[in-house]
Amino acid sequence: MTTETMIAVIGGSGLYEIDGLENTQWISVDTPWGAPSDQILTGALNGVKMAFLPRHGRGHVHSPTEIPYRANIDALKRLGVTDIFSVSACGSFREEMEPGHFVIVDQFIDRTFAREKSFFGTGCVAHVSVAHPTCERLSDAAETAARAAGITVHRGGTYLCMEGPQFSTMAESKMYRESWGCDVIGMTNMPEAKLAREAEICYASIAMVTDFDSWHPDHGAVEITDIIATLQGNSSNARDMVRRLPDLLGATRENCPHGCDTALEFAIMTAPEKRDPALLTKLDAVAGRVLG
């Protein structure tokens, strides 16, 4: 089935400053999960619909733990978003993944513990697979766009999502790197990726390296001033990457060949007569396709 493409970018403020973005409008979206992080900037680039959501809100008002992840994904679903590109800062556990480089993440280890991680629960239980939590199709596009923009990009990597807001201790950093085999570390991609899968939206993660966390003997502890300086360069590169995505994805799309947009097909376990009407009402956007 052919549908209209709508690309969403979830990232820091500044990523909506894309040359050529037309018919821009900041839109407020009401969701049953509360308010999203901010209004959502909508527009079109090269004939493809786009939406930009500042993950922390403009002015960086939400901590990683307090980001309204469910509201964010629900709001994008209500707008008709088909494909999400998550762009976020990260620390690196690998010498070759240097500050300024981008990593196309394909796996996560979720170490968060204070966040609501699912749209489903008592009254409507569902289990989706996140064995492969990112979409290969979107990851291909992100890699192609990044290389065309002249960015040093690494394809594949495991992202350790910590609760934050503090950075890692040295002992934690060494464990994640040496014992767990993680490649990058951040605070925001979980439960975002899980919720996108529950909402049947294709999702790709582009992690922008700002530092070496605290494991590296030659770089010491994370310095906020260094991170901010690298972030500014990364943001410019990210804008260059994002503006290339519409031409790569096109204005229309077929069903995802990897099944991202049919993830709920056999996921709902609760018998129809046992389902909570109140919860079903809240699920109208994310699960309306299968709940009817």
C-alpha atoms as a PDB file:
ATOM      1  CA  MET A   1       0.000   0.000   0.000  1.00  0.00           C
ATOM      2  CA  THR A   2       1.297   3.452  -0.948  1.00  0.00           C
ATOM      3  CA  THR A   3       1.041   6.234   1.630  1.00  0.00           C
ATOM      4  CA  GLU A   4       2.215   9.820   1.825  1.00  0.00           C
ATOM      5  CA  THR A   5       5.616  10.241   3.436  1.00  0.00           C
ATOM      6  CA  MET A   6       5.922  12.504   6.447  1.00  0.00           C
ATOM      7  CA  ILE A   7       9.370  12.723   8.004  1.00  0.00           C
ATOM      8  CA  ALA A   8       9.792  13.715  11.636  1.00  0.00           C
ATOM      9  CA  VAL A   9      13.049  14.807  13.196  1.00  0.00           C
ATOM     10  CA  ILE A  10      13.293  14.655  16.979  1.00  0.00           C
ATOM     11  CA  GLY A  11      16.288  16.600  18.160  1.00  0.00           C
ATOM     12  CA  GLY A  12      17.693  19.716  19.678  1.00  0.00           C
ATOM     13  CA  SER A  13      16.510  23.207  18.858  1.00  0.00           C
ATOM     14  CA  GLY A  14      18.220  24.471  15.726  1.00  0.00           C
ATOM     15  CA  LEU A  15      17.530  21.380  13.670  1.00  0.00           C
ATOM     16  CA  TYR A  16      14.360  23.010  12.314  1.00  0.00           C
ATOM     17  CA  GLU A  17      16.445  25.737  10.730  1.00  0.00           C
ATOM     18  CA  ILE A  18      16.587  23.916   7.406  1.00  0.00           C
ATOM     19  CA  ASP A  19      17.207  25.895   4.225  1.00  0.00           C
ATOM     20  CA  GLY A  20      14.274  25.563   1.872  1.00  0.00           C
ATOM     21  CA  LEU A  21      11.671  24.469   4.430  1.00  0.00           C
ATOM     22  CA  GLU A  22       8.375  25.896   3.179  1.00  0.00           C
ATOM     23  CA  ASN A  23       4.958  26.673   4.646  1.00  0.00           C
ATOM     24  CA  THR A  24       6.258  26.433   8.178  1.00  0.00           C
ATOM     25  CA  GLN A  25       3.898  26.490  11.122  1.00  0.00           C
ATOM     26  CA  TRP A  26       4.285  25.726  14.815  1.00  0.00           C
ATOM     27  CA  ILE A  27       1.399  23.421  15.780  1.00  0.00           C
ATOM     28  CA  SER A  28       0.099  22.514  19.227  1.00  0.00           C
ATOM     29  CA  VAL A  29      -1.023  18.888  19.446  1.00  0.00           C
ATOM     30  CA  ASP A  30      -3.203  17.586  22.269  1.00  0.00           C
ATOM     31  CA  THR A  31      -2.621  13.982  23.306  1.00  0.00           C
ATOM     32  CA  PRO A  32      -4.202  11.735  25.964  1.00  0.00           C
ATOM     33  CA  TRP A  33      -0.698  11.312  27.396  1.00  0.00           C
ATOM     34  CA  GLY A  34      -0.272  15.010  28.156  1.00  0.00           C
ATOM     35  CA  ALA A  35       1.505  17.772  26.274  1.00  0.00           C
ATOM     36  CA  PRO A  36       4.504  17.019  24.046  1.00  0.00           C
ATOM     37  CA  SER A  37       7.884  18.569  24.766  1.00  0.00           C
ATOM     38  CA  ASP A  38       6.925  21.609  22.704  1.00  0.00           C
ATOM     39  CA  GLN A  39       4.882  22.677  19.742  1.00  0.00           C
ATOM     40  CA  ILE A  40       5.824  20.857  16.552  1.00  0.00           C
ATOM     41  CA  LEU A  41       7.161  22.738  13.559  1.00  0.00           C
ATOM     42  CA  THR A  42       5.608  21.460  10.336  1.00  0.00           C
ATOM     43  CA  GLY A  43       6.459  22.303   6.760  1.00  0.00           C
ATOM     44  CA  ALA A  44       7.602  20.776   3.498  1.00  0.00           C
ATOM     45  CA  LEU A  45      11.005  20.314   1.923  1.00  0.00           C
ATOM     46  CA  ASN A  46      11.335  19.414  -1.742  1.00  0.00           C
ATOM     47  CA  GLY A  47       7.697  18.369  -1.784  1.00  0.00           C
ATOM     48  CA  VAL A  48       7.944  16.071   1.242  1.00  0.00           C
ATOM     49  CA  LYS A  49       6.068  16.824   4.465  1.00  0.00           C
ATOM     50  CA  MET A  50       8.261  17.291   7.528  1.00  0.00           C
ATOM     51  CA  ALA A  51       7.844  17.796  11.265  1.00  0.00           C
ATOM     52  CA  PHE A  52      10.442  18.944  13.791  1.00  0.00           C
ATOM     53  CA  LEU A  53      10.054  18.334  17.522  1.00  0.00           C
ATOM     54  CA  PRO A  54      12.551  19.815  20.013  1.00  0.00           C
ATOM     55  CA  ARG A  55      12.996  16.852  22.351  1.00  0.00           C
ATOM     56  CA  HIS A  56      13.870  18.971  25.399  1.00  0.00           C
ATOM     57  CA  GLY A  57      11.604  21.863  24.381  1.00  0.00           C
ATOM     58  CA  ARG A  58      12.863  25.158  23.036  1.00  0.00           C
ATOM     59  CA  GLY A  59      15.248  26.568  25.607  1.00  0.00           C
ATOM     60  CA  HIS A  60      16.036  23.037  26.911  1.00  0.00           C
ATOM     61  CA  VAL A  61      13.402  22.899  29.655  1.00  0.00           C
ATOM     62  CA  HIS A  62      12.928  19.108  30.029  1.00  0.00           C
ATOM     63  CA  SER A  63      15.525  16.864  31.645  1.00  0.00           C
ATOM     64  CA  PRO A  64      16.059  13.449  29.987  1.00  0.00           C
ATOM     65  CA  THR A  65      13.926  11.712  32.620  1.00  0.00           C
ATOM     66  CA  GLU A  66      11.096  14.248  32.377  1.00  0.00           C
ATOM     67  CA  ILE A  67      10.758  14.323  28.587  1.00  0.00           C
ATOM     68  CA  PRO A  68       7.121  13.374  27.802  1.00  0.00           C
ATOM     69  CA  TYR A  69       8.108  10.495  25.521  1.00  0.00           C
ATOM     70  CA  ARG A  70       4.620   9.023  25.121  1.00  0.00           C
ATOM     71  CA  ALA A  71       3.071  12.374  24.298  1.00  0.00           C
ATOM     72  CA  ASN A  72       5.823  13.103  21.777  1.00  0.00           C
ATOM     73  CA  ILE A  73       5.343   9.874  19.824  1.00  0.00           C
ATOM     74  CA  ASP A  74       1.540  10.049  20.048  1.00  0.00           C
ATOM     75  CA  ALA A  75       1.569  13.632  18.745  1.00  0.00           C
ATOM     76  CA  LEU A  76       3.733  12.687  15.766  1.00  0.00           C
ATOM     77  CA  LYS A  77       1.450   9.751  14.993  1.00  0.00           C
ATOM     78  CA  ARG A  78      -1.587  12.054  15.082  1.00  0.00           C
ATOM     79  CA  LEU A  79       0.100  14.379  12.589  1.00  0.00           C
ATOM     80  CA  GLY A  80       0.557  11.501  10.151  1.00  0.00           C
ATOM     81  CA  VAL A  81       4.294  10.961  10.613  1.00  0.00           C
ATOM     82  CA  THR A  82       5.535   7.811   8.902  1.00  0.00           C
ATOM     83  CA  ASP A  83       9.276   8.008   9.563  1.00  0.00           C
ATOM     84  CA  ILE A  84      11.202   9.327  12.578  1.00  0.00           C
ATOM     85  CA  PHE A  85      14.853  10.325  12.615  1.00  0.00           C
ATOM     86  CA  SER A  86      16.123  10.741  16.161  1.00  0.00           C
ATOM     87  CA  VAL A  87      19.141  13.050  16.362  1.00  0.00           C
ATOM     88  CA  SER A  88      20.866  13.249  19.728  1.00  0.00           C
ATOM     89  CA  ALA A  89      24.161  13.984  21.420  1.00  0.00           C
ATOM     90  CA  CYS A  90      26.161  11.116  22.877  1.00  0.00           C
ATOM     91  CA  GLY A  91      29.421  10.125  24.496  1.00  0.00           C
ATOM     92  CA  SER A  92      31.716   7.620  22.808  1.00  0.00           C
ATOM     93  CA  PHE A  93      33.310   4.447  24.160  1.00  0.00           C
ATOM     94  CA  ARG A  94      35.432   3.897  21.029  1.00  0.00           C
ATOM     95  CA  GLU A  95      38.659   5.616  19.986  1.00  0.00           C
ATOM     96  CA  GLU A  96      37.551   5.598  16.363  1.00  0.00           C
ATOM     97  CA  MET A  97      34.202   7.254  17.165  1.00  0.00           C
ATOM     98  CA  GLU A  98      35.582  10.712  17.824  1.00  0.00           C
ATOM     99  CA  PRO A  99      33.818  13.929  18.826  1.00  0.00           C
ATOM    100  CA  GLY A 100      32.206  15.339  15.707  1.00  0.00           C
ATOM    101  CA  HIS A 101      31.524  11.910  14.225  1.00  0.00           C
ATOM    102  CA  PHE A 102      28.009  10.507  13.742  1.00  0.00           C
ATOM    103  CA  VAL A 103      26.955   6.952  14.636  1.00  0.00           C
ATOM    104  CA  ILE A 104      23.953   5.262  13.015  1.00  0.00           C
ATOM    105  CA  VAL A 105      22.743   3.258  16.022  1.00  0.00           C
ATOM    106  CA  ASP A 106      21.251  -0.201  15.508  1.00  0.00           C
ATOM    107  CA  GLN A 107      21.021  -1.565  19.064  1.00  0.00           C
ATOM    108  CA  PHE A 108      20.235  -0.279  22.559  1.00  0.00           C
ATOM    109  CA  ILE A 109      20.793  -1.287  26.153  1.00  0.00           C
ATOM    110  CA  ASP A 110      18.168   0.397  28.302  1.00  0.00           C
ATOM    111  CA  ARG A 111      19.381   1.316  31.781  1.00  0.00           C
ATOM    112  CA  THR A 112      16.619   3.839  32.524  1.00  0.00           C
ATOM    113  CA  PHE A 113      14.308   3.157  35.462  1.00  0.00           C
ATOM    114  CA  ALA A 114      12.145   6.249  36.089  1.00  0.00           C
ATOM    115  CA  ARG A 115      10.215   6.526  32.819  1.00  0.00           C
ATOM    116  CA  GLU A 116       6.933   5.237  31.444  1.00  0.00           C
ATOM    117  CA  LYS A 117       8.015   2.880  28.679  1.00  0.00           C
ATOM    118  CA  SER A 118       4.826   1.684  27.018  1.00  0.00           C
ATOM    119  CA  PHE A 119       1.477   2.920  25.772  1.00  0.00           C
ATOM    120  CA  PHE A 120      -0.048  -0.373  26.884  1.00  0.00           C
ATOM    121  CA  GLY A 121      -0.842  -1.753  30.339  1.00  0.00           C
ATOM    122  CA  THR A 122      -3.598  -3.150  32.511  1.00  0.00           C
ATOM    123  CA  GLY A 123      -6.730  -3.347  30.393  1.00  0.00           C
ATOM    124  CA  CYS A 124      -4.864  -3.704  27.107  1.00  0.00           C
ATOM    125  CA  VAL A 125      -1.626  -5.664  27.251  1.00  0.00           C
ATOM    126  CA  ALA A 126       0.636  -5.788  24.191  1.00  0.00           C
ATOM    127  CA  HIS A 127       4.123  -7.092  23.480  1.00  0.00           C
ATOM    128  CA  VAL A 128       6.044  -5.842  20.447  1.00  0.00           C
ATOM    129  CA  SER A 129       9.419  -7.080  19.282  1.00  0.00           C
ATOM    130  CA  VAL A 130      12.345  -4.691  19.590  1.00  0.00           C
ATOM    131  CA  ALA A 131      14.983  -7.269  18.701  1.00  0.00           C
ATOM    132  CA  HIS A 132      15.932  -4.913  15.879  1.00  0.00           C
ATOM    133  CA  PRO A 133      14.834  -1.542  17.315  1.00  0.00           C
ATOM    134  CA  THR A 134      15.770   0.671  14.375  1.00  0.00           C
ATOM    135  CA  CYS A 135      14.614   0.627  10.759  1.00  0.00           C
ATOM    136  CA  GLU A 136      17.226  -0.483   8.226  1.00  0.00           C
ATOM    137  CA  ARG A 137      15.542   1.531   5.469  1.00  0.00           C
ATOM    138  CA  LEU A 138      15.791   4.781   7.423  1.00  0.00           C
ATOM    139  CA  SER A 139      19.294   3.953   8.643  1.00  0.00           C
ATOM    140  CA  ASP A 140      20.363   3.515   5.011  1.00  0.00           C
ATOM    141  CA  ALA A 141      18.962   6.952   4.198  1.00  0.00           C
ATOM    142  CA  ALA A 142      20.654   8.540   7.207  1.00  0.00           C
ATOM    143  CA  GLU A 143      24.009   7.035   6.298  1.00  0.00           C
ATOM    144  CA  THR A 144      23.728   8.124   2.667  1.00  0.00           C
ATOM    145  CA  ALA A 145      22.701  11.646   3.669  1.00  0.00           C
ATOM    146  CA  ALA A 146      25.487  11.968   6.232  1.00  0.00           C
ATOM    147  CA  ARG A 147      28.178  10.806   3.820  1.00  0.00           C
ATOM    148  CA  ALA A 148      26.885  13.153   1.124  1.00  0.00           C
ATOM    149  CA  ALA A 149      27.181  15.981   3.653  1.00  0.00           C
ATOM    150  CA  GLY A 150      30.836  15.097   4.265  1.00  0.00           C
ATOM    151  CA  ILE A 151      30.245  13.821   7.792  1.00  0.00           C
ATOM    152  CA  THR A 152      32.351  11.008   9.214  1.00  0.00           C
ATOM    153  CA  VAL A 153      29.697   8.407   9.981  1.00  0.00           C
ATOM    154  CA  HIS A 154      29.901   4.949  11.551  1.00  0.00           C
ATOM    155  CA  ARG A 155      27.218   2.459  10.540  1.00  0.00           C
ATOM    156  CA  GLY A 156      26.062   0.320  13.449  1.00  0.00           C
ATOM    157  CA  GLY A 157      26.595   0.718  17.155  1.00  0.00           C
ATOM    158  CA  THR A 158      25.090  -0.100  20.537  1.00  0.00           C
ATOM    159  CA  TYR A 159      23.706   2.872  22.455  1.00  0.00           C
ATOM    160  CA  LEU A 160      23.651   2.609  26.251  1.00  0.00           C
ATOM    161  CA  CYS A 161      20.753   4.736  27.507  1.00  0.00           C
ATOM    162  CA  MET A 162      21.320   5.834  31.104  1.00  0.00           C
ATOM    163  CA  GLU A 163      18.835   7.613  33.339  1.00  0.00           C
ATOM    164  CA  GLY A 164      20.863  10.749  33.973  1.00  0.00           C
ATOM    165  CA  PRO A 165      20.870  13.657  34.373  1.00  0.00           C
ATOM    166  CA  GLN A 166      24.374  13.140  35.770  1.00  0.00           C
ATOM    167  CA  PHE A 167      27.099  11.725  33.544  1.00  0.00           C
ATOM    168  CA  SER A 168      28.687   8.338  34.243  1.00  0.00           C
ATOM    169  CA  THR A 169      31.180   7.548  36.943  1.00  0.00           C
ATOM    170  CA  MET A 170      34.499   6.258  35.612  1.00  0.00           C
ATOM    171  CA  ALA A 171      33.664   2.761  36.879  1.00  0.00           C
ATOM    172  CA  GLU A 172      30.351   2.776  35.022  1.00  0.00           C
ATOM    173  CA  SER A 173      31.952   4.114  31.870  1.00  0.00           C
ATOM    174  CA  LYS A 174      34.595   1.381  31.872  1.00  0.00           C
ATOM    175  CA  MET A 175      31.980  -1.332  32.522  1.00  0.00           C
ATOM    176  CA  TYR A 176      29.752  -0.182  29.661  1.00  0.00           C
ATOM    177  CA  ARG A 177      32.748  -0.075  27.336  1.00  0.00           C
ATOM    178  CA  GLU A 178      34.768  -3.125  28.354  1.00  0.00           C
ATOM    179  CA  SER A 179      32.283  -5.625  29.794  1.00  0.00           C
ATOM    180  CA  TRP A 180      29.095  -4.725  27.956  1.00  0.00           C
ATOM    181  CA  GLY A 181      30.561  -3.827  24.573  1.00  0.00           C
ATOM    182  CA  CYS A 182      28.634  -0.582  24.167  1.00  0.00           C
ATOM    183  CA  ASP A 183      29.740   1.972  21.597  1.00  0.00           C
ATOM    184  CA  VAL A 184      28.005   5.203  22.622  1.00  0.00           C
ATOM    185  CA  ILE A 185      26.091   6.503  25.620  1.00  0.00           C
ATOM    186  CA  GLY A 186      23.190   8.925  25.901  1.00  0.00           C
ATOM    187  CA  MET A 187      20.090   9.690  27.963  1.00  0.00           C
ATOM    188  CA  THR A 188      17.192  10.079  25.534  1.00  0.00           C
ATOM    189  CA  ASN A 189      16.705   7.291  22.968  1.00  0.00           C
ATOM    190  CA  MET A 190      14.875   5.043  25.426  1.00  0.00           C
ATOM    191  CA  PRO A 191      11.954   4.625  25.707  1.00  0.00           C
ATOM    192  CA  GLU A 192      11.619   6.744  22.563  1.00  0.00           C
ATOM    193  CA  ALA A 193      12.594   3.904  20.206  1.00  0.00           C
ATOM    194  CA  LYS A 194      10.328   1.402  21.983  1.00  0.00           C
ATOM    195  CA  LEU A 195       7.349   3.752  21.815  1.00  0.00           C
ATOM    196  CA  ALA A 196       7.925   4.431  18.126  1.00  0.00           C
ATOM    197  CA  ARG A 197       7.771   0.690  17.508  1.00  0.00           C
ATOM    198  CA  GLU A 198       4.532   0.402  19.516  1.00  0.00           C
ATOM    199  CA  ALA A 199       3.110   3.259  17.437  1.00  0.00           C
ATOM    200  CA  GLU A 200       4.161   1.473  14.232  1.00  0.00           C
ATOM    201  CA  ILE A 201       6.413   4.317  13.085  1.00  0.00           C
ATOM    202  CA  CYS A 202       9.753   3.574  11.415  1.00  0.00           C
ATOM    203  CA  TYR A 203      12.596   4.921  13.579  1.00  0.00           C
ATOM    204  CA  ALA A 204      16.296   5.605  13.014  1.00  0.00           C
ATOM    205  CA  SER A 205      18.812   6.928  15.524  1.00  0.00           C
ATOM    206  CA  ILE A 206      21.692   9.223  14.630  1.00  0.00           C
ATOM    207  CA  ALA A 207      23.993   9.735  17.609  1.00  0.00           C
ATOM    208  CA  MET A 208      26.321  12.732  17.363  1.00  0.00           C
ATOM    209  CA  VAL A 209      29.505  12.235  19.390  1.00  0.00           C
ATOM    210  CA  THR A 210      30.425  15.114  21.678  1.00  0.00           C
ATOM    211  CA  ASP A 211      32.936  13.502  24.059  1.00  0.00           C
ATOM    212  CA  PHE A 212      34.615  10.301  25.247  1.00  0.00           C
ATOM    213  CA  ASP A 213      32.528   9.981  28.414  1.00  0.00           C
ATOM    214  CA  SER A 214      34.902   9.391  31.372  1.00  0.00           C
ATOM    215  CA  TRP A 215      36.743   6.180  30.406  1.00  0.00           C
ATOM    216  CA  HIS A 216      39.414   7.740  28.188  1.00  0.00           C
ATOM    217  CA  PRO A 217      42.743   8.228  30.022  1.00  0.00           C
ATOM    218  CA  ASP A 218      43.746  11.160  27.797  1.00  0.00           C
ATOM    219  CA  HIS A 219      40.495  13.096  27.969  1.00  0.00           C
ATOM    220  CA  GLY A 220      39.461  12.959  31.624  1.00  0.00           C
ATOM    221  CA  ALA A 221      35.969  13.826  32.823  1.00  0.00           C
ATOM    222  CA  VAL A 222      33.266  15.197  30.587  1.00  0.00           C
ATOM    223  CA  GLU A 223      33.526  18.984  30.300  1.00  0.00           C
ATOM    224  CA  ILE A 224      30.306  20.833  29.522  1.00  0.00           C
ATOM    225  CA  THR A 225      32.117  23.646  27.690  1.00  0.00           C
ATOM    226  CA  ASP A 226      33.765  21.155  25.333  1.00  0.00           C
ATOM    227  CA  ILE A 227      30.441  19.420  24.725  1.00  0.00           C
ATOM    228  CA  ILE A 228      28.703  22.696  23.831  1.00  0.00           C
ATOM    229  CA  ALA A 229      31.430  23.634  21.359  1.00  0.00           C
ATOM    230  CA  THR A 230      31.190  20.247  19.637  1.00  0.00           C
ATOM    231  CA  LEU A 231      27.383  20.383  19.717  1.00  0.00           C
ATOM    232  CA  GLN A 232      27.399  23.563  17.669  1.00  0.00           C
ATOM    233  CA  GLY A 233      29.428  21.927  14.919  1.00  0.00           C
ATOM    234  CA  ASN A 234      27.328  18.774  15.084  1.00  0.00           C
ATOM    235  CA  SER A 235      24.105  20.768  14.755  1.00  0.00           C
ATOM    236  CA  SER A 236      25.322  22.389  11.556  1.00  0.00           C
ATOM    237  CA  ASN A 237      26.237  18.994  10.136  1.00  0.00           C
ATOM    238  CA  ALA A 238      22.913  17.540  11.235  1.00  0.00           C
ATOM    239  CA  ARG A 239      21.004  20.269   9.384  1.00  0.00           C
ATOM    240  CA  ASP A 240      22.995  19.490   6.264  1.00  0.00           C
ATOM    241  CA  MET A 241      22.189  15.794   6.659  1.00  0.00           C
ATOM    242  CA  VAL A 242      18.481  16.329   7.328  1.00  0.00           C
ATOM    243  CA  ARG A 243      17.899  18.512   4.283  1.00  0.00           C
ATOM    244  CA  ARG A 244      19.022  15.589   2.090  1.00  0.00           C
ATOM    245  CA  LEU A 245      16.522  13.103   3.520  1.00  0.00           C
ATOM    246  CA  PRO A 246      13.380  14.099   1.560  1.00  0.00           C
ATOM    247  CA  ASP A 247      14.998  13.396  -1.804  1.00  0.00           C
ATOM    248  CA  LEU A 248      16.176  10.010  -0.551  1.00  0.00           C
ATOM    249  CA  LEU A 249      12.803   8.926   0.841  1.00  0.00           C
ATOM    250  CA  GLY A 250      10.437  10.530  -1.667  1.00  0.00           C
ATOM    251  CA  ALA A 251       6.953  11.972  -1.249  1.00  0.00           C
ATOM    252  CA  THR A 252       5.264   8.554  -1.112  1.00  0.00           C
ATOM    253  CA  ARG A 253       6.269   5.244   0.412  1.00  0.00           C
ATOM    254  CA  GLU A 254       5.329   1.586   0.430  1.00  0.00           C
ATOM    255  CA  ASN A 255       4.847  -0.458   3.599  1.00  0.00           C
ATOM    256  CA  CYS A 256       8.097  -0.872   5.500  1.00  0.00           C
ATOM    257  CA  PRO A 257       9.853  -4.033   4.254  1.00  0.00           C
ATOM    258  CA  HIS A 258      11.101  -4.671   7.783  1.00  0.00           C
ATOM    259  CA  GLY A 259       7.632  -4.642   9.353  1.00  0.00           C
ATOM    260  CA  CYS A 260       8.032  -1.540  11.504  1.00  0.00           C
ATOM    261  CA  ASP A 261       4.608  -0.230  10.497  1.00  0.00           C
ATOM    262  CA  THR A 262       2.850  -3.539  11.252  1.00  0.00           C
ATOM    263  CA  ALA A 263       4.480  -4.188  14.632  1.00  0.00           C
ATOM    264  CA  LEU A 264       1.124  -4.466  16.433  1.00  0.00           C
ATOM    265  CA  GLU A 265      -0.315  -7.042  14.033  1.00  0.00           C
ATOM    266  CA  PHE A 266      -0.192  -9.879  16.582  1.00  0.00           C
ATOM    267  CA  ALA A 267       1.003  -7.966  19.655  1.00  0.00           C
ATOM    268  CA  ILE A 268      -2.202  -7.319  21.630  1.00  0.00           C
ATOM    269  CA  MET A 269      -2.835 -10.086  24.133  1.00  0.00           C
ATOM    270  CA  THR A 270      -5.902  -8.926  26.073  1.00  0.00           C
ATOM    271  CA  ALA A 271      -9.181 -10.493  24.938  1.00  0.00           C
ATOM    272  CA  PRO A 272     -11.545  -7.959  23.324  1.00  0.00           C
ATOM    273  CA  GLU A 273     -14.191  -8.345  26.048  1.00  0.00           C
ATOM    274  CA  LYS A 274     -11.568  -7.696  28.762  1.00  0.00           C
ATOM    275  CA  ARG A 275     -10.131  -4.513  27.316  1.00  0.00           C
ATOM    276  CA  ASP A 276     -10.455  -1.279  29.286  1.00  0.00           C
ATOM    277  CA  PRO A 277     -12.504   1.253  27.272  1.00  0.00           C
ATOM    278  CA  ALA A 278     -10.691   4.177  28.874  1.00  0.00           C
ATOM    279  CA  LEU A 279      -7.294   2.854  27.805  1.00  0.00           C
ATOM    280  CA  LEU A 280      -8.590   2.024  24.342  1.00  0.00           C
ATOM    281  CA  THR A 281      -9.655   5.644  23.960  1.00  0.00           C
ATOM    282  CA  LYS A 282      -6.113   6.769  24.774  1.00  0.00           C
ATOM    283  CA  LEU A 283      -4.750   4.308  22.207  1.00  0.00           C
ATOM    284  CA  ASP A 284      -6.820   5.699  19.333  1.00  0.00           C
ATOM    285  CA  ALA A 285      -3.830   7.127  17.471  1.00  0.00           C
ATOM    286  CA  VAL A 286      -1.016   4.696  18.210  1.00  0.00           C
ATOM    287  CA  ALA A 287      -3.058   1.489  17.937  1.00  0.00           C
ATOM    288  CA  GLY A 288      -6.178   2.490  16.034  1.00  0.00           C
ATOM    289  CA  ARG A 289      -5.149   0.391  13.028  1.00  0.00           C
ATOM    290  CA  VAL A 290      -5.446  -2.874  14.960  1.00  0.00           C
ATOM    291  CA  LEU A 291      -8.084  -1.887  17.530  1.00  0.00           C
ATOM    292  CA  GLY A 292     -10.538  -0.743  14.888  1.00  0.00           C
END
